[in-house]
Amino acid sequence: MDRITKERYEFALARVEELLPLVDDSTSANDKKALELGVMSDIVIAYETVHFPIKQPTVAELIELYLRESGMTQKQLAHEIGVSPSRVNDYIAGRSEPTLKNASLLCRILDIPPADMLRV
């Protein structure tokens, strides 16, 4: 696809918003509106991939996010994985990363997907 300008992106984005209410799971894949929605969506995705990339969270950000979601304190987490609270703080601050054993425990305790922790 050739370079997508901001104007083309904005047009496609507006058109996607117009088409979404008109196309649902029961709409035929060959329907004119469904086809147009697919093309406009591809334009939006291509532009956003270049101009608004979503970076993968760091290990520190993952631990902090899932810890907050779990409602646990750093002290409780430290007790669960058998390290000092200052070590958990080091993980969250990005000063150190957990060993493979501790990363596995963090995934299990905080319900972090292992692939995310391994950054794959």
PDB file of N, CA and C in Angstrom:
ATOM      1  N   MET A   1       0.852  -1.174   0.000  1.00  0.00           N
ATOM      2  CA  MET A   1       0.000   0.000   0.000  1.00  0.00           C
ATOM      3  C   MET A   1       0.900   1.240   0.000  1.00  0.00           C
ATOM      4  N   ASP A   2       0.558   2.198  -0.845  1.00  0.00           N
ATOM      5  CA  ASP A   2       1.377   3.406  -0.887  1.00  0.00           C
ATOM      6  C   ASP A   2       1.243   4.188   0.422  1.00  0.00           C
ATOM      7  N   ARG A   3       2.070   5.180   0.564  1.00  0.00           N
ATOM      8  CA  ARG A   3       2.089   5.973   1.802  1.00  0.00           C
ATOM      9  C   ARG A   3       0.705   6.532   2.073  1.00  0.00           C
ATOM     10  N   ILE A   4       0.240   6.319   3.275  1.00  0.00           N
ATOM     11  CA  ILE A   4      -1.090   6.787   3.650  1.00  0.00           C
ATOM     12  C   ILE A   4      -0.944   8.140   4.328  1.00  0.00           C
ATOM     13  N   THR A   5      -1.573   9.134   3.748  1.00  0.00           N
ATOM     14  CA  THR A   5      -1.499  10.483   4.314  1.00  0.00           C
ATOM     15  C   THR A   5      -2.440  10.589   5.512  1.00  0.00           C
ATOM     16  N   LYS A   6      -2.224  11.626   6.292  1.00  0.00           N
ATOM     17  CA  LYS A   6      -3.086  11.882   7.439  1.00  0.00           C
ATOM     18  C   LYS A   6      -4.531  12.094   6.980  1.00  0.00           C
ATOM     19  N   GLU A   7      -4.696  12.772   5.855  1.00  0.00           N
ATOM     20  CA  GLU A   7      -6.034  13.025   5.329  1.00  0.00           C
ATOM     21  C   GLU A   7      -6.740  11.725   4.946  1.00  0.00           C
ATOM     22  N   ARG A   8      -6.011  10.809   4.288  1.00  0.00           N
ATOM     23  CA  ARG A   8      -6.598   9.519   3.915  1.00  0.00           C
ATOM     24  C   ARG A   8      -6.960   8.725   5.165  1.00  0.00           C
ATOM     25  N   TYR A   9      -6.063   8.774   6.149  1.00  0.00           N
ATOM     26  CA  TYR A   9      -6.320   8.087   7.418  1.00  0.00           C
ATOM     27  C   TYR A   9      -7.589   8.629   8.075  1.00  0.00           C
ATOM     28  N   GLU A  10      -7.705   9.946   8.163  1.00  0.00           N
ATOM     29  CA  GLU A  10      -8.874  10.551   8.809  1.00  0.00           C
ATOM     30  C   GLU A  10     -10.159  10.225   8.052  1.00  0.00           C
ATOM     31  N   PHE A  11     -10.088  10.214   6.719  1.00  0.00           N
ATOM     32  CA  PHE A  11     -11.253   9.839   5.928  1.00  0.00           C
ATOM     33  C   PHE A  11     -11.636   8.389   6.218  1.00  0.00           C
ATOM     34  N   ALA A  12     -10.644   7.502   6.189  1.00  0.00           N
ATOM     35  CA  ALA A  12     -10.903   6.079   6.421  1.00  0.00           C
ATOM     36  C   ALA A  12     -11.455   5.851   7.826  1.00  0.00           C
ATOM     37  N   LEU A  13     -10.902   6.542   8.808  1.00  0.00           N
ATOM     38  CA  LEU A  13     -11.365   6.402  10.189  1.00  0.00           C
ATOM     39  C   LEU A  13     -12.830   6.831  10.314  1.00  0.00           C
ATOM     40  N   ALA A  14     -13.180   7.957   9.694  1.00  0.00           N
ATOM     41  CA  ALA A  14     -14.565   8.433   9.729  1.00  0.00           C
ATOM     42  C   ALA A  14     -15.486   7.438   9.014  1.00  0.00           C
ATOM     43  N   ARG A  15     -15.006   6.895   7.909  1.00  0.00           N
ATOM     44  CA  ARG A  15     -15.824   5.949   7.148  1.00  0.00           C
ATOM     45  C   ARG A  15     -16.035   4.657   7.934  1.00  0.00           C
ATOM     46  N   VAL A  16     -15.012   4.213   8.658  1.00  0.00           N
ATOM     47  CA  VAL A  16     -15.149   3.022   9.501  1.00  0.00           C
ATOM     48  C   VAL A  16     -16.246   3.263  10.539  1.00  0.00           C
ATOM     49  N   GLU A  17     -16.226   4.435  11.163  1.00  0.00           N
ATOM     50  CA  GLU A  17     -17.244   4.774  12.159  1.00  0.00           C
ATOM     51  C   GLU A  17     -18.644   4.750  11.547  1.00  0.00           C
ATOM     52  N   GLU A  18     -18.785   5.189  10.298  1.00  0.00           N
ATOM     53  CA  GLU A  18     -20.084   5.183   9.621  1.00  0.00           C
ATOM     54  C   GLU A  18     -20.526   3.759   9.274  1.00  0.00           C
ATOM     55  N   LEU A  19     -19.566   2.915   8.889  1.00  0.00           N
ATOM     56  CA  LEU A  19     -19.897   1.575   8.419  1.00  0.00           C
ATOM     57  C   LEU A  19     -20.125   0.560   9.542  1.00  0.00           C
ATOM     58  N   LEU A  20     -19.477   0.755  10.680  1.00  0.00           N
ATOM     59  CA  LEU A  20     -19.579  -0.230  11.761  1.00  0.00           C
ATOM     60  C   LEU A  20     -21.019  -0.557  12.158  1.00  0.00           C
ATOM     61  N   PRO A  21     -21.890   0.441  12.321  1.00  0.00           N
ATOM     62  CA  PRO A  21     -23.265   0.093  12.692  1.00  0.00           C
ATOM     63  C   PRO A  21     -24.039  -0.625  11.585  1.00  0.00           C
ATOM     64  N   LEU A  22     -23.541  -0.576  10.367  1.00  0.00           N
ATOM     65  CA  LEU A  22     -24.250  -1.150   9.227  1.00  0.00           C
ATOM     66  C   LEU A  22     -23.819  -2.573   8.890  1.00  0.00           C
ATOM     67  N   VAL A  23     -22.720  -3.020   9.505  1.00  0.00           N
ATOM     68  CA  VAL A  23     -22.163  -4.342   9.204  1.00  0.00           C
ATOM     69  C   VAL A  23     -22.075  -5.127  10.508  1.00  0.00           C
ATOM     70  N   ASP A  24     -22.623  -6.352  10.485  1.00  0.00           N
ATOM     71  CA  ASP A  24     -22.495  -7.205  11.669  1.00  0.00           C
ATOM     72  C   ASP A  24     -22.140  -8.624  11.226  1.00  0.00           C
ATOM     73  N   ASP A  25     -22.147  -9.551  12.164  1.00  0.00           N
ATOM     74  CA  ASP A  25     -21.736 -10.931  11.865  1.00  0.00           C
ATOM     75  C   ASP A  25     -22.624 -11.613  10.831  1.00  0.00           C
ATOM     76  N   SER A  26     -23.862 -11.144  10.697  1.00  0.00           N
ATOM     77  CA  SER A  26     -24.769 -11.775   9.733  1.00  0.00           C
ATOM     78  C   SER A  26     -24.620 -11.189   8.326  1.00  0.00           C
ATOM     79  N   THR A  27     -23.814 -10.115   8.193  1.00  0.00           N
ATOM     80  CA  THR A  27     -23.604  -9.494   6.884  1.00  0.00           C
ATOM     81  C   THR A  27     -22.722 -10.397   6.023  1.00  0.00           C
ATOM     82  N   SER A  28     -23.113 -10.577   4.792  1.00  0.00           N
ATOM     83  CA  SER A  28     -22.346 -11.407   3.857  1.00  0.00           C
ATOM     84  C   SER A  28     -20.953 -10.798   3.644  1.00  0.00           C
ATOM     85  N   ALA A  29     -19.964 -11.647   3.524  1.00  0.00           N
ATOM     86  CA  ALA A  29     -18.594 -11.180   3.294  1.00  0.00           C
ATOM     87  C   ALA A  29     -18.472 -10.466   1.944  1.00  0.00           C
ATOM     88  N   ASN A  30     -19.384 -10.732   1.022  1.00  0.00           N
ATOM     89  CA  ASN A  30     -19.363 -10.095  -0.292  1.00  0.00           C
ATOM     90  C   ASN A  30     -20.200  -8.822  -0.357  1.00  0.00           C
ATOM     91  N   ASP A  31     -20.819  -8.465   0.759  1.00  0.00           N
ATOM     92  CA  ASP A  31     -21.616  -7.249   0.823  1.00  0.00           C
ATOM     93  C   ASP A  31     -20.724  -6.024   0.580  1.00  0.00           C
ATOM     94  N   LYS A  32     -21.242  -5.077  -0.194  1.00  0.00           N
ATOM     95  CA  LYS A  32     -20.468  -3.886  -0.567  1.00  0.00           C
ATOM     96  C   LYS A  32     -19.970  -3.129   0.680  1.00  0.00           C
ATOM     97  N   LYS A  33     -20.815  -2.975   1.673  1.00  0.00           N
ATOM     98  CA  LYS A  33     -20.433  -2.248   2.889  1.00  0.00           C
ATOM     99  C   LYS A  33     -19.377  -3.026   3.692  1.00  0.00           C
ATOM    100  N   ALA A  34     -19.523  -4.354   3.737  1.00  0.00           N
ATOM    101  CA  ALA A  34     -18.553  -5.185   4.447  1.00  0.00           C
ATOM    102  C   ALA A  34     -17.182  -5.104   3.777  1.00  0.00           C
ATOM    103  N   LEU A  35     -17.187  -5.138   2.447  1.00  0.00           N
ATOM    104  CA  LEU A  35     -15.923  -5.034   1.708  1.00  0.00           C
ATOM    105  C   LEU A  35     -15.269  -3.677   1.941  1.00  0.00           C
ATOM    106  N   GLU A  36     -16.077  -2.625   1.881  1.00  0.00           N
ATOM    107  CA  GLU A  36     -15.535  -1.286   2.108  1.00  0.00           C
ATOM    108  C   GLU A  36     -15.005  -1.151   3.528  1.00  0.00           C
ATOM    109  N   LEU A  37     -15.724  -1.717   4.489  1.00  0.00           N
ATOM    110  CA  LEU A  37     -15.266  -1.672   5.879  1.00  0.00           C
ATOM    111  C   LEU A  37     -13.906  -2.346   6.012  1.00  0.00           C
ATOM    112  N   GLY A  38     -13.733  -3.456   5.329  1.00  0.00           N
ATOM    113  CA  GLY A  38     -12.448  -4.151   5.365  1.00  0.00           C
ATOM    114  C   GLY A  38     -11.316  -3.309   4.808  1.00  0.00           C
ATOM    115  N   VAL A  39     -11.555  -2.664   3.684  1.00  0.00           N
ATOM    116  CA  VAL A  39     -10.532  -1.814   3.056  1.00  0.00           C
ATOM    117  C   VAL A  39     -10.211  -0.609   3.947  1.00  0.00           C
ATOM    118  N   MET A  40     -11.250   0.050   4.443  1.00  0.00           N
ATOM    119  CA  MET A  40     -11.040   1.229   5.298  1.00  0.00           C
ATOM    120  C   MET A  40     -10.321   0.844   6.598  1.00  0.00           C
ATOM    121  N   SER A  41     -10.677  -0.310   7.153  1.00  0.00           N
ATOM    122  CA  SER A  41     -10.013  -0.787   8.366  1.00  0.00           C
ATOM    123  C   SER A  41      -8.531  -1.056   8.124  1.00  0.00           C
ATOM    124  N   ASP A  42      -8.224  -1.621   6.966  1.00  0.00           N
ATOM    125  CA  ASP A  42      -6.821  -1.886   6.616  1.00  0.00           C
ATOM    126  C   ASP A  42      -6.027  -0.581   6.536  1.00  0.00           C
ATOM    127  N   ILE A  43      -6.625   0.447   5.984  1.00  0.00           N
ATOM    128  CA  ILE A  43      -5.955   1.757   5.889  1.00  0.00           C
ATOM    129  C   ILE A  43      -5.698   2.315   7.282  1.00  0.00           C
ATOM    130  N   VAL A  44      -6.706   2.246   8.143  1.00  0.00           N
ATOM    131  CA  VAL A  44      -6.569   2.753   9.516  1.00  0.00           C
ATOM    132  C   VAL A  44      -5.467   1.990  10.246  1.00  0.00           C
ATOM    133  N   ILE A  45      -5.484   0.673  10.142  1.00  0.00           N
ATOM    134  CA  ILE A  45      -4.477  -0.151  10.828  1.00  0.00           C
ATOM    135  C   ILE A  45      -3.075   0.155  10.312  1.00  0.00           C
ATOM    136  N   ALA A  46      -2.915   0.263   9.009  1.00  0.00           N
ATOM    137  CA  ALA A  46      -1.593   0.538   8.428  1.00  0.00           C
ATOM    138  C   ALA A  46      -1.062   1.889   8.914  1.00  0.00           C
ATOM    139  N   TYR A  47      -1.898   2.898   8.933  1.00  0.00           N
ATOM    140  CA  TYR A  47      -1.471   4.231   9.377  1.00  0.00           C
ATOM    141  C   TYR A  47      -1.124   4.214  10.866  1.00  0.00           C
ATOM    142  N   GLU A  48      -1.985   3.611  11.674  1.00  0.00           N
ATOM    143  CA  GLU A  48      -1.759   3.607  13.120  1.00  0.00           C
ATOM    144  C   GLU A  48      -0.541   2.778  13.514  1.00  0.00           C
ATOM    145  N   THR A  49      -0.262   1.734  12.761  1.00  0.00           N
ATOM    146  CA  THR A  49       0.919   0.916  13.051  1.00  0.00           C
ATOM    147  C   THR A  49       2.190   1.743  12.919  1.00  0.00           C
ATOM    148  N   VAL A  50       2.210   2.629  11.944  1.00  0.00           N
ATOM    149  CA  VAL A  50       3.382   3.479  11.716  1.00  0.00           C
ATOM    150  C   VAL A  50       3.401   4.680  12.657  1.00  0.00           C
ATOM    151  N   HIS A  51       2.268   5.342  12.824  1.00  0.00           N
ATOM    152  CA  HIS A  51       2.229   6.612  13.536  1.00  0.00           C
ATOM    153  C   HIS A  51       1.877   6.506  15.023  1.00  0.00           C
ATOM    154  N   PHE A  52       1.257   5.421  15.430  1.00  0.00           N
ATOM    155  CA  PHE A  52       0.869   5.245  16.829  1.00  0.00           C
ATOM    156  C   PHE A  52       1.239   3.840  17.314  1.00  0.00           C
ATOM    157  N   PRO A  53       2.520   3.478  17.211  1.00  0.00           N
ATOM    158  CA  PRO A  53       2.892   2.120  17.614  1.00  0.00           C
ATOM    159  C   PRO A  53       2.667   1.914  19.108  1.00  0.00           C
ATOM    160  N   ILE A  54       2.255   0.712  19.451  1.00  0.00           N
ATOM    161  CA  ILE A  54       2.057   0.366  20.858  1.00  0.00           C
ATOM    162  C   ILE A  54       3.260  -0.458  21.276  1.00  0.00           C
ATOM    163  N   LYS A  55       4.035   0.103  22.190  1.00  0.00           N
ATOM    164  CA  LYS A  55       5.234  -0.622  22.610  1.00  0.00           C
ATOM    165  C   LYS A  55       4.867  -1.669  23.650  1.00  0.00           C
ATOM    166  N   GLN A  56       5.651  -2.711  23.660  1.00  0.00           N
ATOM    167  CA  GLN A  56       5.439  -3.791  24.610  1.00  0.00           C
ATOM    168  C   GLN A  56       5.866  -3.313  25.998  1.00  0.00           C
ATOM    169  N   PRO A  57       5.068  -3.594  27.034  1.00  0.00           N
ATOM    170  CA  PRO A  57       5.447  -3.145  28.374  1.00  0.00           C
ATOM    171  C   PRO A  57       6.708  -3.847  28.862  1.00  0.00           C
ATOM    172  N   THR A  58       7.461  -3.148  29.682  1.00  0.00           N
ATOM    173  CA  THR A  58       8.654  -3.744  30.280  1.00  0.00           C
ATOM    174  C   THR A  58       8.227  -4.725  31.361  1.00  0.00           C
ATOM    175  N   VAL A  59       9.173  -5.534  31.822  1.00  0.00           N
ATOM    176  CA  VAL A  59       8.901  -6.463  32.916  1.00  0.00           C
ATOM    177  C   VAL A  59       8.450  -5.675  34.142  1.00  0.00           C
ATOM    178  N   ALA A  60       9.116  -4.550  34.417  1.00  0.00           N
ATOM    179  CA  ALA A  60       8.753  -3.714  35.561  1.00  0.00           C
ATOM    180  C   ALA A  60       7.314  -3.215  35.444  1.00  0.00           C
ATOM    181  N   GLU A  61       6.939  -2.761  34.258  1.00  0.00           N
ATOM    182  CA  GLU A  61       5.568  -2.264  34.050  1.00  0.00           C
ATOM    183  C   GLU A  61       4.546  -3.384  34.208  1.00  0.00           C
ATOM    184  N   LEU A  62       4.877  -4.578  33.721  1.00  0.00           N
ATOM    185  CA  LEU A  62       3.966  -5.718  33.866  1.00  0.00           C
ATOM    186  C   LEU A  62       3.735  -6.049  35.333  1.00  0.00           C
ATOM    187  N   ILE A  63       4.827  -6.132  36.080  1.00  0.00           N
ATOM    188  CA  ILE A  63       4.703  -6.481  37.496  1.00  0.00           C
ATOM    189  C   ILE A  63       3.880  -5.431  38.225  1.00  0.00           C
ATOM    190  N   GLU A  64       4.174  -4.168  37.966  1.00  0.00           N
ATOM    191  CA  GLU A  64       3.439  -3.091  38.628  1.00  0.00           C
ATOM    192  C   GLU A  64       1.946  -3.141  38.278  1.00  0.00           C
ATOM    193  N   LEU A  65       1.631  -3.317  37.009  1.00  0.00           N
ATOM    194  CA  LEU A  65       0.241  -3.360  36.565  1.00  0.00           C
ATOM    195  C   LEU A  65      -0.512  -4.525  37.197  1.00  0.00           C
ATOM    196  N   TYR A  66       0.047  -5.727  37.101  1.00  0.00           N
ATOM    197  CA  TYR A  66      -0.642  -6.902  37.618  1.00  0.00           C
ATOM    198  C   TYR A  66      -0.689  -6.901  39.146  1.00  0.00           C
ATOM    199  N   LEU A  67       0.308  -6.330  39.783  1.00  0.00           N
ATOM    200  CA  LEU A  67       0.286  -6.200  41.238  1.00  0.00           C
ATOM    201  C   LEU A  67      -0.867  -5.296  41.652  1.00  0.00           C
ATOM    202  N   ARG A  68      -1.004  -4.169  40.961  1.00  0.00           N
ATOM    203  CA  ARG A  68      -2.095  -3.228  41.255  1.00  0.00           C
ATOM    204  C   ARG A  68      -3.452  -3.909  41.033  1.00  0.00           C
ATOM    205  N   GLU A  69      -3.571  -4.642  39.922  1.00  0.00           N
ATOM    206  CA  GLU A  69      -4.829  -5.323  39.616  1.00  0.00           C
ATOM    207  C   GLU A  69      -5.161  -6.413  40.622  1.00  0.00           C
ATOM    208  N   SER A  70      -4.139  -7.031  41.190  1.00  0.00           N
ATOM    209  CA  SER A  70      -4.372  -8.112  42.152  1.00  0.00           C
ATOM    210  C   SER A  70      -4.822  -7.586  43.511  1.00  0.00           C
ATOM    211  N   GLY A  71      -4.495  -6.325  43.789  1.00  0.00           N
ATOM    212  CA  GLY A  71      -4.833  -5.763  45.096  1.00  0.00           C
ATOM    213  C   GLY A  71      -3.834  -6.124  46.185  1.00  0.00           C
ATOM    214  N   MET A  72      -2.777  -6.826  45.810  1.00  0.00           N
ATOM    215  CA  MET A  72      -1.738  -7.195  46.783  1.00  0.00           C
ATOM    216  C   MET A  72      -0.808  -6.019  47.023  1.00  0.00           C
ATOM    217  N   THR A  73      -0.159  -6.034  48.158  1.00  0.00           N
ATOM    218  CA  THR A  73       0.889  -5.056  48.429  1.00  0.00           C
ATOM    219  C   THR A  73       2.223  -5.648  47.990  1.00  0.00           C
ATOM    220  N   GLN A  74       3.222  -4.795  47.880  1.00  0.00           N
ATOM    221  CA  GLN A  74       4.565  -5.282  47.542  1.00  0.00           C
ATOM    222  C   GLN A  74       5.058  -6.234  48.625  1.00  0.00           C
ATOM    223  N   LYS A  75       4.726  -5.935  49.866  1.00  0.00           N
ATOM    224  CA  LYS A  75       5.148  -6.783  50.985  1.00  0.00           C
ATOM    225  C   LYS A  75       4.501  -8.169  50.876  1.00  0.00           C
ATOM    226  N   GLN A  76       3.207  -8.217  50.558  1.00  0.00           N
ATOM    227  CA  GLN A  76       2.526  -9.505  50.399  1.00  0.00           C
ATOM    228  C   GLN A  76       3.127 -10.300  49.242  1.00  0.00           C
ATOM    229  N   LEU A  77       3.398  -9.622  48.142  1.00  0.00           N
ATOM    230  CA  LEU A  77       3.986 -10.296  46.984  1.00  0.00           C
ATOM    231  C   LEU A  77       5.368 -10.834  47.335  1.00  0.00           C
ATOM    232  N   ALA A  78       6.153 -10.023  48.026  1.00  0.00           N
ATOM    233  CA  ALA A  78       7.494 -10.457  48.427  1.00  0.00           C
ATOM    234  C   ALA A  78       7.413 -11.744  49.256  1.00  0.00           C
ATOM    235  N   HIS A  79       6.470 -11.792  50.187  1.00  0.00           N
ATOM    236  CA  HIS A  79       6.288 -12.984  51.022  1.00  0.00           C
ATOM    237  C   HIS A  79       5.909 -14.189  50.158  1.00  0.00           C
ATOM    238  N   GLU A  80       5.008 -13.970  49.197  1.00  0.00           N
ATOM    239  CA  GLU A  80       4.549 -15.061  48.330  1.00  0.00           C
ATOM    240  C   GLU A  80       5.674 -15.673  47.496  1.00  0.00           C
ATOM    241  N   ILE A  81       6.604 -14.828  47.010  1.00  0.00           N
ATOM    242  CA  ILE A  81       7.665 -15.377  46.151  1.00  0.00           C
ATOM    243  C   ILE A  81       8.974 -15.610  46.902  1.00  0.00           C
ATOM    244  N   GLY A  82       8.984 -15.255  48.185  1.00  0.00           N
ATOM    245  CA  GLY A  82      10.150 -15.559  49.013  1.00  0.00           C
ATOM    246  C   GLY A  82      11.336 -14.628  48.815  1.00  0.00           C
ATOM    247  N   VAL A  83      11.053 -13.355  48.571  1.00  0.00           N
ATOM    248  CA  VAL A  83      12.122 -12.355  48.469  1.00  0.00           C
ATOM    249  C   VAL A  83      11.786 -11.198  49.402  1.00  0.00           C
ATOM    250  N   SER A  84      12.722 -10.293  49.552  1.00  0.00           N
ATOM    251  CA  SER A  84      12.477  -9.132  50.407  1.00  0.00           C
ATOM    252  C   SER A  84      11.578  -8.126  49.692  1.00  0.00           C
ATOM    253  N   PRO A  85      10.846  -7.327  50.474  1.00  0.00           N
ATOM    254  CA  PRO A  85      10.035  -6.275  49.854  1.00  0.00           C
ATOM    255  C   PRO A  85      10.880  -5.309  49.017  1.00  0.00           C
ATOM    256  N   SER A  86      12.123  -5.075  49.422  1.00  0.00           N
ATOM    257  CA  SER A  86      12.974  -4.171  48.644  1.00  0.00           C
ATOM    258  C   SER A  86      13.317  -4.780  47.280  1.00  0.00           C
ATOM    259  N   ARG A  87      13.394  -6.111  47.205  1.00  0.00           N
ATOM    260  CA  ARG A  87      13.659  -6.779  45.930  1.00  0.00           C
ATOM    261  C   ARG A  87      12.466  -6.581  44.994  1.00  0.00           C
ATOM    262  N   VAL A  88      11.242  -6.723  45.520  1.00  0.00           N
ATOM    263  CA  VAL A  88      10.042  -6.487  44.712  1.00  0.00           C
ATOM    264  C   VAL A  88      10.044  -5.040  44.238  1.00  0.00           C
ATOM    265  N   ASN A  89      10.421  -4.122  45.119  1.00  0.00           N
ATOM    266  CA  ASN A  89      10.496  -2.717  44.745  1.00  0.00           C
ATOM    267  C   ASN A  89      11.519  -2.510  43.634  1.00  0.00           C
ATOM    268  N   ASP A  90      12.632  -3.229  43.696  1.00  0.00           N
ATOM    269  CA  ASP A  90      13.642  -3.152  42.630  1.00  0.00           C
ATOM    270  C   ASP A  90      13.071  -3.630  41.295  1.00  0.00           C
ATOM    271  N   TYR A  91      12.258  -4.702  41.341  1.00  0.00           N
ATOM    272  CA  TYR A  91      11.630  -5.190  40.114  1.00  0.00           C
ATOM    273  C   TYR A  91      10.718  -4.117  39.515  1.00  0.00           C
ATOM    274  N   ILE A  92       9.893  -3.517  40.368  1.00  0.00           N
ATOM    275  CA  ILE A  92       8.917  -2.528  39.906  1.00  0.00           C
ATOM    276  C   ILE A  92       9.597  -1.247  39.422  1.00  0.00           C
ATOM    277  N   ALA A  93      10.690  -0.883  40.062  1.00  0.00           N
ATOM    278  CA  ALA A  93      11.419   0.325  39.662  1.00  0.00           C
ATOM    279  C   ALA A  93      12.306   0.080  38.439  1.00  0.00           C
ATOM    280  N   GLY A  94      12.449  -1.188  38.042  1.00  0.00           N
ATOM    281  CA  GLY A  94      13.275  -1.504  36.882  1.00  0.00           C
ATOM    282  C   GLY A  94      14.760  -1.548  37.198  1.00  0.00           C
ATOM    283  N   ARG A  95      15.099  -1.571  38.484  1.00  0.00           N
ATOM    284  CA  ARG A  95      16.517  -1.632  38.871  1.00  0.00           C
ATOM    285  C   ARG A  95      17.088  -3.039  38.716  1.00  0.00           C
ATOM    286  N   SER A  96      16.210  -4.032  38.751  1.00  0.00           N
ATOM    287  CA  SER A  96      16.642  -5.413  38.503  1.00  0.00           C
ATOM    288  C   SER A  96      15.458  -6.188  37.951  1.00  0.00           C
ATOM    289  N   GLU A  97      15.770  -7.322  37.335  1.00  0.00           N
ATOM    290  CA  GLU A  97      14.726  -8.184  36.798  1.00  0.00           C
ATOM    291  C   GLU A  97      14.728  -9.482  37.587  1.00  0.00           C
ATOM    292  N   PRO A  98      13.576 -10.107  37.706  1.00  0.00           N
ATOM    293  CA  PRO A  98      13.496 -11.346  38.475  1.00  0.00           C
ATOM    294  C   PRO A  98      14.252 -12.484  37.803  1.00  0.00           C
ATOM    295  N   THR A  99      14.735 -13.403  38.634  1.00  0.00           N
ATOM    296  CA  THR A  99      15.333 -14.625  38.099  1.00  0.00           C
ATOM    297  C   THR A  99      14.239 -15.401  37.384  1.00  0.00           C
ATOM    298  N   LEU A 100      14.613 -16.395  36.615  1.00  0.00           N
ATOM    299  CA  LEU A 100      13.624 -17.201  35.902  1.00  0.00           C
ATOM    300  C   LEU A 100      12.654 -17.858  36.881  1.00  0.00           C
ATOM    301  N   LYS A 101      13.176 -18.340  37.995  1.00  0.00           N
ATOM    302  CA  LYS A 101      12.321 -18.966  39.017  1.00  0.00           C
ATOM    303  C   LYS A 101      11.327 -17.949  39.563  1.00  0.00           C
ATOM    304  N   ASN A 102      11.807 -16.759  39.919  1.00  0.00           N
ATOM    305  CA  ASN A 102      10.917 -15.740  40.463  1.00  0.00           C
ATOM    306  C   ASN A 102       9.948 -15.215  39.407  1.00  0.00           C
ATOM    307  N   ALA A 103      10.393 -15.138  38.164  1.00  0.00           N
ATOM    308  CA  ALA A 103       9.503 -14.712  37.086  1.00  0.00           C
ATOM    309  C   ALA A 103       8.358 -15.713  36.944  1.00  0.00           C
ATOM    310  N   SER A 104       8.671 -16.982  37.043  1.00  0.00           N
ATOM    311  CA  SER A 104       7.648 -18.022  36.974  1.00  0.00           C
ATOM    312  C   SER A 104       6.657 -17.881  38.123  1.00  0.00           C
ATOM    313  N   LEU A 105       7.165 -17.614  39.325  1.00  0.00           N
ATOM    314  CA  LEU A 105       6.289 -17.417  40.482  1.00  0.00           C
ATOM    315  C   LEU A 105       5.415 -16.172  40.301  1.00  0.00           C
ATOM    316  N   LEU A 106       6.012 -15.102  39.791  1.00  0.00           N
ATOM    317  CA  LEU A 106       5.247 -13.876  39.552  1.00  0.00           C
ATOM    318  C   LEU A 106       4.116 -14.127  38.565  1.00  0.00           C
ATOM    319  N   CYS A 107       4.406 -14.877  37.519  1.00  0.00           N
ATOM    320  CA  CYS A 107       3.377 -15.196  36.524  1.00  0.00           C
ATOM    321  C   CYS A 107       2.231 -15.972  37.166  1.00  0.00           C
ATOM    322  N   ARG A 108       2.585 -16.939  37.988  1.00  0.00           N
ATOM    323  CA  ARG A 108       1.561 -17.768  38.620  1.00  0.00           C
ATOM    324  C   ARG A 108       0.749 -16.966  39.636  1.00  0.00           C
ATOM    325  N   ILE A 109       1.419 -16.221  40.483  1.00  0.00           N
ATOM    326  CA  ILE A 109       0.749 -15.493  41.570  1.00  0.00           C
ATOM    327  C   ILE A 109      -0.060 -14.305  41.049  1.00  0.00           C
ATOM    328  N   LEU A 110       0.508 -13.572  40.095  1.00  0.00           N
ATOM    329  CA  LEU A 110      -0.168 -12.371  39.593  1.00  0.00           C
ATOM    330  C   LEU A 110      -0.984 -12.626  38.325  1.00  0.00           C
ATOM    331  N   ASP A 111      -0.929 -13.870  37.844  1.00  0.00           N
ATOM    332  CA  ASP A 111      -1.663 -14.249  36.629  1.00  0.00           C
ATOM    333  C   ASP A 111      -1.162 -13.479  35.399  1.00  0.00           C
ATOM    334  N   ILE A 112       0.154 -13.296  35.326  1.00  0.00           N
ATOM    335  CA  ILE A 112       0.780 -12.648  34.171  1.00  0.00           C
ATOM    336  C   ILE A 112       1.021 -13.725  33.116  1.00  0.00           C
ATOM    337  N   PRO A 113       0.598 -13.509  31.878  1.00  0.00           N
ATOM    338  CA  PRO A 113       0.896 -14.497  30.843  1.00  0.00           C
ATOM    339  C   PRO A 113       2.422 -14.653  30.682  1.00  0.00           C
ATOM    340  N   PRO A 114       2.932 -15.883  30.765  1.00  0.00           N
ATOM    341  CA  PRO A 114       4.380 -16.094  30.668  1.00  0.00           C
ATOM    342  C   PRO A 114       5.007 -15.473  29.417  1.00  0.00           C
ATOM    343  N   ALA A 115       4.314 -15.522  28.283  1.00  0.00           N
ATOM    344  CA  ALA A 115       4.860 -14.933  27.052  1.00  0.00           C
ATOM    345  C   ALA A 115       5.081 -13.447  27.232  1.00  0.00           C
ATOM    346  N   ASP A 116       4.206 -12.776  27.971  1.00  0.00           N
ATOM    347  CA  ASP A 116       4.389 -11.349  28.223  1.00  0.00           C
ATOM    348  C   ASP A 116       5.611 -11.107  29.094  1.00  0.00           C
ATOM    349  N   MET A 117       5.778 -11.926  30.110  1.00  0.00           N
ATOM    350  CA  MET A 117       6.920 -11.781  31.013  1.00  0.00           C
ATOM    351  C   MET A 117       8.226 -12.020  30.266  1.00  0.00           C
ATOM    352  N   LEU A 118       8.209 -12.975  29.324  1.00  0.00           N
ATOM    353  CA  LEU A 118       9.402 -13.289  28.554  1.00  0.00           C
ATOM    354  C   LEU A 118       9.583 -12.321  27.376  1.00  0.00           C
ATOM    355  N   ARG A 119       8.586 -11.467  27.157  1.00  0.00           N
ATOM    356  CA  ARG A 119       8.606 -10.456  26.098  1.00  0.00           C
ATOM    357  C   ARG A 119       8.748 -11.070  24.710  1.00  0.00           C
ATOM    358  N   VAL A 120       7.970 -12.164  24.492  1.00  0.00           N
ATOM    359  CA  VAL A 120       7.977 -12.798  23.182  1.00  0.00           C
ATOM    360  C   VAL A 120       6.818 -12.353  22.348  1.00  0.00           C
TER     361      VAL A 120
END
